[in-house]
C-alpha atoms as a PDB file:
ATOM      1  CA  UNK A   1     154.261 119.426  40.431  1.00  0.00           C
ATOM      2  CA  UNK A   2     155.156 119.594  44.118  1.00  0.00           C
ATOM      3  CA  UNK A   3     155.694 123.386  44.184  1.00  0.00           C
ATOM      4  CA  UNK A   4     152.855 124.349  41.853  1.00  0.00           C
ATOM      5  CA  UNK A   5     149.995 122.026  42.710  1.00  0.00           C
ATOM      6  CA  UNK A   6     150.454 120.757  46.277  1.00  0.00           C
ATOM      7  CA  UNK A   7     150.472 124.093  48.089  1.00  0.00           C
ATOM      8  CA  UNK A   8     146.801 123.649  49.050  1.00  0.00           C
ATOM      9  CA  UNK A   9     147.641 120.448  50.937  1.00  0.00           C
ATOM     10  CA  UNK A  10     146.693 117.746  48.448  1.00  0.00           C
ATOM     11  CA  UNK A  11     149.443 115.213  47.778  1.00  0.00           C
ATOM     12  CA  UNK A  12     149.510 113.789  44.247  1.00  0.00           C
ATOM     13  CA  UNK A  13     150.890 110.289  43.855  1.00  0.00           C
ATOM     14  CA  UNK A  14     153.667 110.385  41.242  1.00  0.00           C
ATOM     15  CA  UNK A  15     154.794 107.063  39.794  1.00  0.00           C
ATOM     16  CA  UNK A  16     157.468 106.816  37.112  1.00  0.00           C
ATOM     17  CA  UNK A  17     158.891 104.376  34.598  1.00  0.00           C
ATOM     18  CA  UNK A  18     162.682 104.147  34.426  1.00  0.00           C
ATOM     19  CA  UNK A  19     163.121 100.957  32.438  1.00  0.00           C
ATOM     20  CA  UNK A  20     165.862  98.693  33.787  1.00  0.00           C
ATOM     21  CA  UNK A  21     166.352  94.946  33.975  1.00  0.00           C
ATOM     22  CA  UNK A  22     167.619  92.167  36.225  1.00  0.00           C
ATOM     23  CA  UNK A  23     171.065  90.592  36.449  1.00  0.00           C
ATOM     24  CA  UNK A  24     170.116  86.923  36.862  1.00  0.00           C
ATOM     25  CA  UNK A  25     173.692  85.970  37.690  1.00  0.00           C
ATOM     26  CA  UNK A  26     174.062  88.346  40.621  1.00  0.00           C
ATOM     27  CA  UNK A  27     172.451  89.081  43.957  1.00  0.00           C
ATOM     28  CA  UNK A  28     170.719  92.331  44.895  1.00  0.00           C
ATOM     29  CA  UNK A  29     174.015  93.949  45.899  1.00  0.00           C
ATOM     30  CA  UNK A  30     176.096  92.568  43.054  1.00  0.00           C
ATOM     31  CA  UNK A  31     176.705  93.045  39.340  1.00  0.00           C
ATOM     32  CA  UNK A  32     174.155  94.841  37.237  1.00  0.00           C
ATOM     33  CA  UNK A  33     171.528  94.836  39.979  1.00  0.00           C
ATOM     34  CA  UNK A  34     173.448  97.572  41.812  1.00  0.00           C
ATOM     35  CA  UNK A  35     172.850  99.800  38.783  1.00  0.00           C
ATOM     36  CA  UNK A  36     169.281  98.553  38.337  1.00  0.00           C
ATOM     37  CA  UNK A  37     168.209  99.460  41.853  1.00  0.00           C
ATOM     38  CA  UNK A  38     170.348 102.597  41.924  1.00  0.00           C
ATOM     39  CA  UNK A  39     169.075 104.107  38.680  1.00  0.00           C
ATOM     40  CA  UNK A  40     165.420 103.468  39.552  1.00  0.00           C
ATOM     41  CA  UNK A  41     165.974 104.920  43.037  1.00  0.00           C
ATOM     42  CA  UNK A  42     167.655 108.067  41.732  1.00  0.00           C
ATOM     43  CA  UNK A  43     164.300 109.606  40.761  1.00  0.00           C
ATOM     44  CA  UNK A  44     162.489 108.871  44.058  1.00  0.00           C
ATOM     45  CA  UNK A  45     162.375 111.312  46.964  1.00  0.00           C
ATOM     46  CA  UNK A  46     160.560 114.172  48.724  1.00  0.00           C
ATOM     47  CA  UNK A  47     161.021 116.474  45.713  1.00  0.00           C
ATOM     48  CA  UNK A  48     160.769 113.724  43.130  1.00  0.00           C
ATOM     49  CA  UNK A  49     158.631 110.637  42.484  1.00  0.00           C
ATOM     50  CA  UNK A  50     156.788 108.690  45.187  1.00  0.00           C
ATOM     51  CA  UNK A  51     157.832 105.459  43.499  1.00  0.00           C
ATOM     52  CA  UNK A  52     158.512 103.686  40.218  1.00  0.00           C
ATOM     53  CA  UNK A  53     157.741 100.530  38.304  1.00  0.00           C
ATOM     54  CA  UNK A  54     159.677  97.727  40.032  1.00  0.00           C
ATOM     55  CA  UNK A  55     161.434  96.392  36.950  1.00  0.00           C
ATOM     56  CA  UNK A  56     163.801  94.197  38.963  1.00  0.00           C
ATOM     57  CA  UNK A  57     160.898  92.373  40.601  1.00  0.00           C
ATOM     58  CA  UNK A  58     159.125  91.942  37.261  1.00  0.00           C
ATOM     59  CA  UNK A  59     162.121  90.418  35.518  1.00  0.00           C
ATOM     60  CA  UNK A  60     163.142  88.276  38.498  1.00  0.00           C
ATOM     61  CA  UNK A  61     159.763  87.074  39.698  1.00  0.00           C
ATOM     62  CA  UNK A  62     156.564  88.027  37.869  1.00  0.00           C
ATOM     63  CA  UNK A  63     156.877  85.297  35.227  1.00  0.00           C
ATOM     64  CA  UNK A  64     158.009  82.619  37.702  1.00  0.00           C
ATOM     65  CA  UNK A  65     154.383  81.524  38.132  1.00  0.00           C
ATOM     66  CA  UNK A  66     153.965  80.921  34.392  1.00  0.00           C
ATOM     67  CA  UNK A  67     155.992  77.684  34.344  1.00  0.00           C
ATOM     68  CA  UNK A  68     157.819  75.247  36.609  1.00  0.00           C
ATOM     69  CA  UNK A  69     161.314  76.370  35.640  1.00  0.00           C
ATOM     70  CA  UNK A  70     163.882  74.931  38.099  1.00  0.00           C
ATOM     71  CA  UNK A  71     165.259  77.578  40.424  1.00  0.00           C
ATOM     72  CA  UNK A  72     162.370  79.992  39.800  1.00  0.00           C
ATOM     73  CA  UNK A  73     159.965  78.730  42.459  1.00  0.00           C
ATOM     74  CA  UNK A  74     158.474  80.524  45.438  1.00  0.00           C
ATOM     75  CA  UNK A  75     161.736  80.595  47.396  1.00  0.00           C
ATOM     76  CA  UNK A  76     163.261  82.550  44.513  1.00  0.00           C
ATOM     77  CA  UNK A  77     160.214  84.837  44.333  1.00  0.00           C
ATOM     78  CA  UNK A  78     160.287  85.477  48.087  1.00  0.00           C
ATOM     79  CA  UNK A  79     164.019  86.306  48.000  1.00  0.00           C
ATOM     80  CA  UNK A  80     163.546  88.997  45.347  1.00  0.00           C
ATOM     81  CA  UNK A  81     160.298  90.237  46.913  1.00  0.00           C
ATOM     82  CA  UNK A  82     162.190  90.856  50.157  1.00  0.00           C
ATOM     83  CA  UNK A  83     165.023  92.510  48.227  1.00  0.00           C
ATOM     84  CA  UNK A  84     162.529  95.031  46.847  1.00  0.00           C
ATOM     85  CA  UNK A  85     161.546  95.975  50.397  1.00  0.00           C
ATOM     86  CA  UNK A  86     165.119  96.969  51.261  1.00  0.00           C
ATOM     87  CA  UNK A  87     166.730  98.263  48.038  1.00  0.00           C
ATOM     88  CA  UNK A  88     164.638 101.326  47.290  1.00  0.00           C
ATOM     89  CA  UNK A  89     164.555 104.593  49.274  1.00  0.00           C
ATOM     90  CA  UNK A  90     162.746 104.541  52.617  1.00  0.00           C
ATOM     91  CA  UNK A  91     159.097 105.427  52.154  1.00  0.00           C
ATOM     92  CA  UNK A  92     159.076 104.679  48.423  1.00  0.00           C
ATOM     93  CA  UNK A  93     155.765 103.361  47.115  1.00  0.00           C
ATOM     94  CA  UNK A  94     156.919 100.958  44.428  1.00  0.00           C
ATOM     95  CA  UNK A  95     154.694  99.528  41.699  1.00  0.00           C
ATOM     96  CA  UNK A  96     155.002  95.781  41.111  1.00  0.00           C
ATOM     97  CA  UNK A  97     153.206  94.352  38.084  1.00  0.00           C
ATOM     98  CA  UNK A  98     152.595  91.181  36.057  1.00  0.00           C
ATOM     99  CA  UNK A  99     152.291  92.815  32.655  1.00  0.00           C
ATOM    100  CA  UNK A 100     152.390  96.203  30.987  1.00  0.00           C
ATOM    101  CA  UNK A 101     152.059  97.971  27.660  1.00  0.00           C
ATOM    102  CA  UNK A 102     155.644  96.877  26.859  1.00  0.00           C
ATOM    103  CA  UNK A 103     155.456  93.165  27.735  1.00  0.00           C
ATOM    104  CA  UNK A 104     153.953  90.112  26.074  1.00  0.00           C
ATOM    105  CA  UNK A 105     150.658  89.185  27.655  1.00  0.00           C
ATOM    106  CA  UNK A 106     151.291  87.164  30.824  1.00  0.00           C
ATOM    107  CA  UNK A 107     148.610  84.624  29.946  1.00  0.00           C
ATOM    108  CA  UNK A 108     150.230  83.840  26.583  1.00  0.00           C
ATOM    109  CA  UNK A 109     153.679  83.518  28.159  1.00  0.00           C
ATOM    110  CA  UNK A 110     152.130  80.811  30.343  1.00  0.00           C
ATOM    111  CA  UNK A 111     149.989  79.106  27.691  1.00  0.00           C
ATOM    112  CA  UNK A 112     151.947  79.526  24.445  1.00  0.00           C
ATOM    113  CA  UNK A 113     155.549  80.564  25.192  1.00  0.00           C
ATOM    114  CA  UNK A 114     156.728  79.653  21.703  1.00  0.00           C
ATOM    115  CA  UNK A 115     154.546  82.360  20.139  1.00  0.00           C
ATOM    116  CA  UNK A 116     154.237  84.836  23.024  1.00  0.00           C
ATOM    117  CA  UNK A 117     157.147  86.904  21.708  1.00  0.00           C
ATOM    118  CA  UNK A 118     155.646  87.322  18.226  1.00  0.00           C
ATOM    119  CA  UNK A 119     154.103  90.672  17.360  1.00  0.00           C
ATOM    120  CA  UNK A 120     152.929  90.629  13.721  1.00  0.00           C
ATOM    121  CA  UNK A 121     152.233  87.045  12.626  1.00  0.00           C
ATOM    122  CA  UNK A 122     151.829  83.518  14.034  1.00  0.00           C
ATOM    123  CA  UNK A 123     150.250  85.129  17.071  1.00  0.00           C
ATOM    124  CA  UNK A 124     149.091  83.339  20.226  1.00  0.00           C
ATOM    125  CA  UNK A 125     145.388  82.651  20.688  1.00  0.00           C
ATOM    126  CA  UNK A 126     143.257  82.300  23.802  1.00  0.00           C
ATOM    127  CA  UNK A 127     144.072  79.165  25.825  1.00  0.00           C
ATOM    128  CA  UNK A 128     141.687  76.226  25.527  1.00  0.00           C
ATOM    129  CA  UNK A 129     142.316  74.836  29.045  1.00  0.00           C
ATOM    130  CA  UNK A 130     142.243  76.388  32.519  1.00  0.00           C
ATOM    131  CA  UNK A 131     145.911  75.832  33.449  1.00  0.00           C
ATOM    132  CA  UNK A 132     147.278  79.210  32.336  1.00  0.00           C
ATOM    133  CA  UNK A 133     144.334  81.037  33.925  1.00  0.00           C
ATOM    134  CA  UNK A 134     144.892  79.151  37.192  1.00  0.00           C
ATOM    135  CA  UNK A 135     148.591  79.962  37.134  1.00  0.00           C
ATOM    136  CA  UNK A 136     147.763  83.625  36.585  1.00  0.00           C
ATOM    137  CA  UNK A 137     145.347  83.657  39.529  1.00  0.00           C
ATOM    138  CA  UNK A 138     148.186  82.542  41.802  1.00  0.00           C
ATOM    139  CA  UNK A 139     150.435  85.230  40.318  1.00  0.00           C
ATOM    140  CA  UNK A 140     147.745  87.806  41.047  1.00  0.00           C
ATOM    141  CA  UNK A 141     147.443  86.399  44.571  1.00  0.00           C
ATOM    142  CA  UNK A 142     151.100  87.303  45.062  1.00  0.00           C
ATOM    143  CA  UNK A 143     150.810  90.697  43.356  1.00  0.00           C
ATOM    144  CA  UNK A 144     147.741  91.835  45.318  1.00  0.00           C
ATOM    145  CA  UNK A 145     149.463  90.923  48.591  1.00  0.00           C
ATOM    146  CA  UNK A 146     152.596  93.013  48.021  1.00  0.00           C
ATOM    147  CA  UNK A 147     153.495  96.328  49.646  1.00  0.00           C
ATOM    148  CA  UNK A 148     153.286  99.352  47.388  1.00  0.00           C
ATOM    149  CA  UNK A 149     150.853 100.192  44.599  1.00  0.00           C
ATOM    150  CA  UNK A 150     150.426  97.143  42.331  1.00  0.00           C
ATOM    151  CA  UNK A 151     149.562  97.813  38.704  1.00  0.00           C
ATOM    152  CA  UNK A 152     147.002  95.779  36.774  1.00  0.00           C
ATOM    153  CA  UNK A 153     147.406  96.177  33.010  1.00  0.00           C
ATOM    154  CA  UNK A 154     144.032  96.544  31.276  1.00  0.00           C
ATOM    155  CA  UNK A 155     142.618  93.193  30.208  1.00  0.00           C
ATOM    156  CA  UNK A 156     144.753  91.090  32.525  1.00  0.00           C
ATOM    157  CA  UNK A 157     141.856  91.077  35.008  1.00  0.00           C
ATOM    158  CA  UNK A 158     140.012  88.622  32.740  1.00  0.00           C
ATOM    159  CA  UNK A 159     143.080  87.039  31.116  1.00  0.00           C
ATOM    160  CA  UNK A 160     143.595  88.845  27.812  1.00  0.00           C
ATOM    161  CA  UNK A 161     145.905  86.923  25.474  1.00  0.00           C
ATOM    162  CA  UNK A 162     148.445  88.297  22.997  1.00  0.00           C
ATOM    163  CA  UNK A 163     152.072  88.466  21.948  1.00  0.00           C
ATOM    164  CA  UNK A 164     154.541  91.321  22.100  1.00  0.00           C
ATOM    165  CA  UNK A 165     153.750  94.980  21.419  1.00  0.00           C
ATOM    166  CA  UNK A 166     151.515  95.758  19.516  1.00  0.00           C
ATOM    167  CA  UNK A 167     149.686  92.423  19.862  1.00  0.00           C
ATOM    168  CA  UNK A 168     149.541  93.017  23.631  1.00  0.00           C
ATOM    169  CA  UNK A 169     147.209  95.981  23.041  1.00  0.00           C
ATOM    170  CA  UNK A 170     143.953  94.329  21.967  1.00  0.00           C
ATOM    171  CA  UNK A 171     140.789  96.328  22.549  1.00  0.00           C
ATOM    172  CA  UNK A 172     139.330  95.809  26.014  1.00  0.00           C
ATOM    173  CA  UNK A 173     136.368  93.410  26.006  1.00  0.00           C
ATOM    174  CA  UNK A 174     133.272  93.297  28.228  1.00  0.00           C
ATOM    175  CA  UNK A 175     130.222  91.198  29.097  1.00  0.00           C
ATOM    176  CA  UNK A 176     129.122  88.805  26.357  1.00  0.00           C
ATOM    177  CA  UNK A 177     132.460  89.321  24.566  1.00  0.00           C
ATOM    178  CA  UNK A 178     134.191  87.300  27.301  1.00  0.00           C
ATOM    179  CA  UNK A 179     134.537  83.517  27.196  1.00  0.00           C
ATOM    180  CA  UNK A 180     133.467  81.310  30.110  1.00  0.00           C
ATOM    181  CA  UNK A 181     137.142  81.044  31.144  1.00  0.00           C
ATOM    182  CA  UNK A 182     137.452  84.836  31.112  1.00  0.00           C
ATOM    183  CA  UNK A 183     134.262  85.410  33.104  1.00  0.00           C
ATOM    184  CA  UNK A 184     135.571  83.055  35.798  1.00  0.00           C
ATOM    185  CA  UNK A 185     138.965  84.749  35.757  1.00  0.00           C
ATOM    186  CA  UNK A 186     137.413  88.198  36.140  1.00  0.00           C
ATOM    187  CA  UNK A 187     135.455  87.042  39.195  1.00  0.00           C
ATOM    188  CA  UNK A 188     138.552  85.570  40.866  1.00  0.00           C
ATOM    189  CA  UNK A 189     140.783  88.577  40.224  1.00  0.00           C
ATOM    190  CA  UNK A 190     138.020  91.004  41.259  1.00  0.00           C
ATOM    191  CA  UNK A 191     137.707  89.169  44.587  1.00  0.00           C
ATOM    192  CA  UNK A 192     141.414  89.729  45.233  1.00  0.00           C
ATOM    193  CA  UNK A 193     141.103  93.399  44.329  1.00  0.00           C
ATOM    194  CA  UNK A 194     138.200  93.815  46.736  1.00  0.00           C
ATOM    195  CA  UNK A 195     140.164  92.043  49.464  1.00  0.00           C
ATOM    196  CA  UNK A 196     143.128  94.353  49.003  1.00  0.00           C
ATOM    197  CA  UNK A 197     140.826  97.382  49.227  1.00  0.00           C
ATOM    198  CA  UNK A 198     139.120  96.050  52.374  1.00  0.00           C
ATOM    199  CA  UNK A 199     142.116  94.708  54.315  1.00  0.00           C
ATOM    200  CA  UNK A 200     144.726  97.250  55.463  1.00  0.00           C
ATOM    201  CA  UNK A 201     147.160  94.423  56.209  1.00  0.00           C
ATOM    202  CA  UNK A 202     147.494  93.631  52.507  1.00  0.00           C
ATOM    203  CA  UNK A 203     148.517  97.240  51.840  1.00  0.00           C
ATOM    204  CA  UNK A 204     150.885  97.642  54.774  1.00  0.00           C
ATOM    205  CA  UNK A 205     154.671  97.600  54.768  1.00  0.00           C
ATOM    206  CA  UNK A 206     154.773  94.664  57.224  1.00  0.00           C
ATOM    207  CA  UNK A 207     156.012  91.569  55.397  1.00  0.00           C
ATOM    208  CA  UNK A 208     157.063  88.415  57.244  1.00  0.00           C
ATOM    209  CA  UNK A 209     157.567  85.014  55.583  1.00  0.00           C
ATOM    210  CA  UNK A 210     156.147  82.149  57.654  1.00  0.00           C
ATOM    211  CA  UNK A 211     156.698  79.180  55.324  1.00  0.00           C
ATOM    212  CA  UNK A 212     158.233  79.268  51.858  1.00  0.00           C
ATOM    213  CA  UNK A 213     159.035  76.261  49.639  1.00  0.00           C
ATOM    214  CA  UNK A 214     159.376  75.761  45.900  1.00  0.00           C
ATOM    215  CA  UNK A 215     155.569  75.712  45.496  1.00  0.00           C
ATOM    216  CA  UNK A 216     154.220  77.373  48.648  1.00  0.00           C
ATOM    217  CA  UNK A 217     154.436  81.005  49.797  1.00  0.00           C
ATOM    218  CA  UNK A 218     152.878  81.853  53.162  1.00  0.00           C
ATOM    219  CA  UNK A 219     153.538  85.295  54.618  1.00  0.00           C
ATOM    220  CA  UNK A 220     152.129  87.508  57.372  1.00  0.00           C
ATOM    221  CA  UNK A 221     150.996  90.911  56.129  1.00  0.00           C
ATOM    222  CA  UNK A 222     150.121  93.624  58.598  1.00  0.00           C
ATOM    223  CA  UNK A 223     149.897  93.035  62.318  1.00  0.00           C
ATOM    224  CA  UNK A 224     147.459  93.132  65.217  1.00  0.00           C
ATOM    225  CA  UNK A 225     143.842  93.506  64.118  1.00  0.00           C
ATOM    226  CA  UNK A 226     145.006  94.108  60.529  1.00  0.00           C
ATOM    227  CA  UNK A 227     146.941  90.830  60.259  1.00  0.00           C
ATOM    228  CA  UNK A 228     146.359  88.829  57.079  1.00  0.00           C
ATOM    229  CA  UNK A 229     148.070  85.496  56.451  1.00  0.00           C
ATOM    230  CA  UNK A 230     148.537  85.068  52.720  1.00  0.00           C
ATOM    231  CA  UNK A 231     148.837  81.481  51.525  1.00  0.00           C
ATOM    232  CA  UNK A 232     149.633  80.539  47.911  1.00  0.00           C
ATOM    233  CA  UNK A 233     150.162  77.130  46.358  1.00  0.00           C
ATOM    234  CA  UNK A 234     151.469  77.353  42.805  1.00  0.00           C
ATOM    235  CA  UNK A 235     151.891  73.570  42.550  1.00  0.00           C
ATOM    236  CA  UNK A 236     149.841  71.168  40.410  1.00  0.00           C
ATOM    237  CA  UNK A 237     148.864  69.154  43.512  1.00  0.00           C
ATOM    238  CA  UNK A 238     147.282  69.933  46.856  1.00  0.00           C
ATOM    239  CA  UNK A 239     149.543  70.844  49.782  1.00  0.00           C
ATOM    240  CA  UNK A 240     148.889  69.913  53.422  1.00  0.00           C
ATOM    241  CA  UNK A 241     150.952  72.089  55.732  1.00  0.00           C
ATOM    242  CA  UNK A 242     151.660  72.937  59.337  1.00  0.00           C
ATOM    243  CA  UNK A 243     152.621  76.602  59.200  1.00  0.00           C
ATOM    244  CA  UNK A 244     154.745  78.043  62.043  1.00  0.00           C
ATOM    245  CA  UNK A 245     153.051  81.117  63.544  1.00  0.00           C
ATOM    246  CA  UNK A 246     155.271  82.885  66.099  1.00  0.00           C
ATOM    247  CA  UNK A 247     153.476  84.344  69.106  1.00  0.00           C
ATOM    248  CA  UNK A 248     154.356  87.882  68.011  1.00  0.00           C
ATOM    249  CA  UNK A 249     152.403  87.224  64.789  1.00  0.00           C
ATOM    250  CA  UNK A 250     149.301  85.602  66.309  1.00  0.00           C
ATOM    251  CA  UNK A 251     148.515  84.003  69.655  1.00  0.00           C
ATOM    252  CA  UNK A 252     147.138  80.496  70.116  1.00  0.00           C
ATOM    253  CA  UNK A 253     143.394  80.408  69.614  1.00  0.00           C
ATOM    254  CA  UNK A 254     143.254  83.177  67.063  1.00  0.00           C
ATOM    255  CA  UNK A 255     140.848  82.174  64.294  1.00  0.00           C
ATOM    256  CA  UNK A 256     140.933  83.088  60.613  1.00  0.00           C
ATOM    257  CA  UNK A 257     138.558  82.997  57.658  1.00  0.00           C
ATOM    258  CA  UNK A 258     139.359  83.339  53.974  1.00  0.00           C
ATOM    259  CA  UNK A 259     138.573  86.803  52.608  1.00  0.00           C
ATOM    260  CA  UNK A 260     138.308  85.215  49.147  1.00  0.00           C
ATOM    261  CA  UNK A 261     135.331  83.124  50.194  1.00  0.00           C
ATOM    262  CA  UNK A 262     136.535  79.544  50.581  1.00  0.00           C
ATOM    263  CA  UNK A 263     134.581  77.677  53.259  1.00  0.00           C
ATOM    264  CA  UNK A 264     135.861  76.904  56.732  1.00  0.00           C
ATOM    265  CA  UNK A 265     137.945  78.528  59.426  1.00  0.00           C
ATOM    266  CA  UNK A 266     141.429  77.979  60.769  1.00  0.00           C
ATOM    267  CA  UNK A 267     142.835  78.532  64.266  1.00  0.00           C
ATOM    268  CA  UNK A 268     146.348  78.829  65.620  1.00  0.00           C
ATOM    269  CA  UNK A 269     147.228  75.986  68.002  1.00  0.00           C
ATOM    270  CA  UNK A 270     150.623  75.376  69.616  1.00  0.00           C
ATOM    271  CA  UNK A 271     151.989  78.219  67.499  1.00  0.00           C
ATOM    272  CA  UNK A 272     151.118  76.614  64.204  1.00  0.00           C
ATOM    273  CA  UNK A 273     148.325  76.775  61.650  1.00  0.00           C
ATOM    274  CA  UNK A 274     147.268  73.618  59.821  1.00  0.00           C
ATOM    275  CA  UNK A 275     146.304  74.357  56.232  1.00  0.00           C
ATOM    276  CA  UNK A 276     145.277  72.311  53.227  1.00  0.00           C
ATOM    277  CA  UNK A 277     145.756  74.278  50.030  1.00  0.00           C
ATOM    278  CA  UNK A 278     144.259  72.996  46.766  1.00  0.00           C
ATOM    279  CA  UNK A 279     146.399  73.011  43.640  1.00  0.00           C
ATOM    280  CA  UNK A 280     147.088  76.515  42.269  1.00  0.00           C
ATOM    281  CA  UNK A 281     145.119  78.283  44.951  1.00  0.00           C
ATOM    282  CA  UNK A 282     145.154  81.516  46.951  1.00  0.00           C
ATOM    283  CA  UNK A 283     143.933  82.195  50.498  1.00  0.00           C
ATOM    284  CA  UNK A 284     143.845  85.568  52.238  1.00  0.00           C
ATOM    285  CA  UNK A 285     143.236  84.565  55.862  1.00  0.00           C
ATOM    286  CA  UNK A 286     141.879  87.456  57.925  1.00  0.00           C
END
């Protein structure tokens, strides 16, 4: 590909799939994760792929938003998100994801975990409450704020349900075929996609945690005029926070508005930012 098709100056983004896993009992530099990172990295380079599916991040973190499993909160997610920034070759454009053609539908893992692994019978149905959709919005808020080239598996933008392959491959639905829950979900996920396209900070390599707890993940993405402060609350209750903002991130007096449309503005004062985050919410403060 490189030798045959790029001689005219056009670079073609090449992303690969080298399926690995995650060693939950080891750190990034221990046990099976050494092989996981190493094997994925082996195919990335100037004369190879630009990047690959980030299988380690999927297995460690992508499903952490689907439940309140102890030890799998936002501190855990942030740890493995930062590991992905340092364990692949320099310049690699990795592809994080919530779901794919090989995984059970994320929404059903969150709403009906007992049946989400089924593929032929006793299959999960669409949720009848908003909780799983809200959890998935927060997961997308994380995904769309990550460095690299995030992948959105067809149908996840409106919250397609389904079990394991092949039940994860329902026909794509549109317009009047969508439920009220799905129409709302599509609007929320589309807003995050538009924000990522419009804000260079969300696509940059700059990644700096400002405040991370079991339920809250607040990070600085980009810098200078491109700075975006990403604030997620995956908890079932509202969170009122005073977020430390070092002077090299933003000076006192700098004001922010939410690129996702929530009302109000926020300003840095005494090197902190006071935020009130509703339950299961996302803010992209620009």
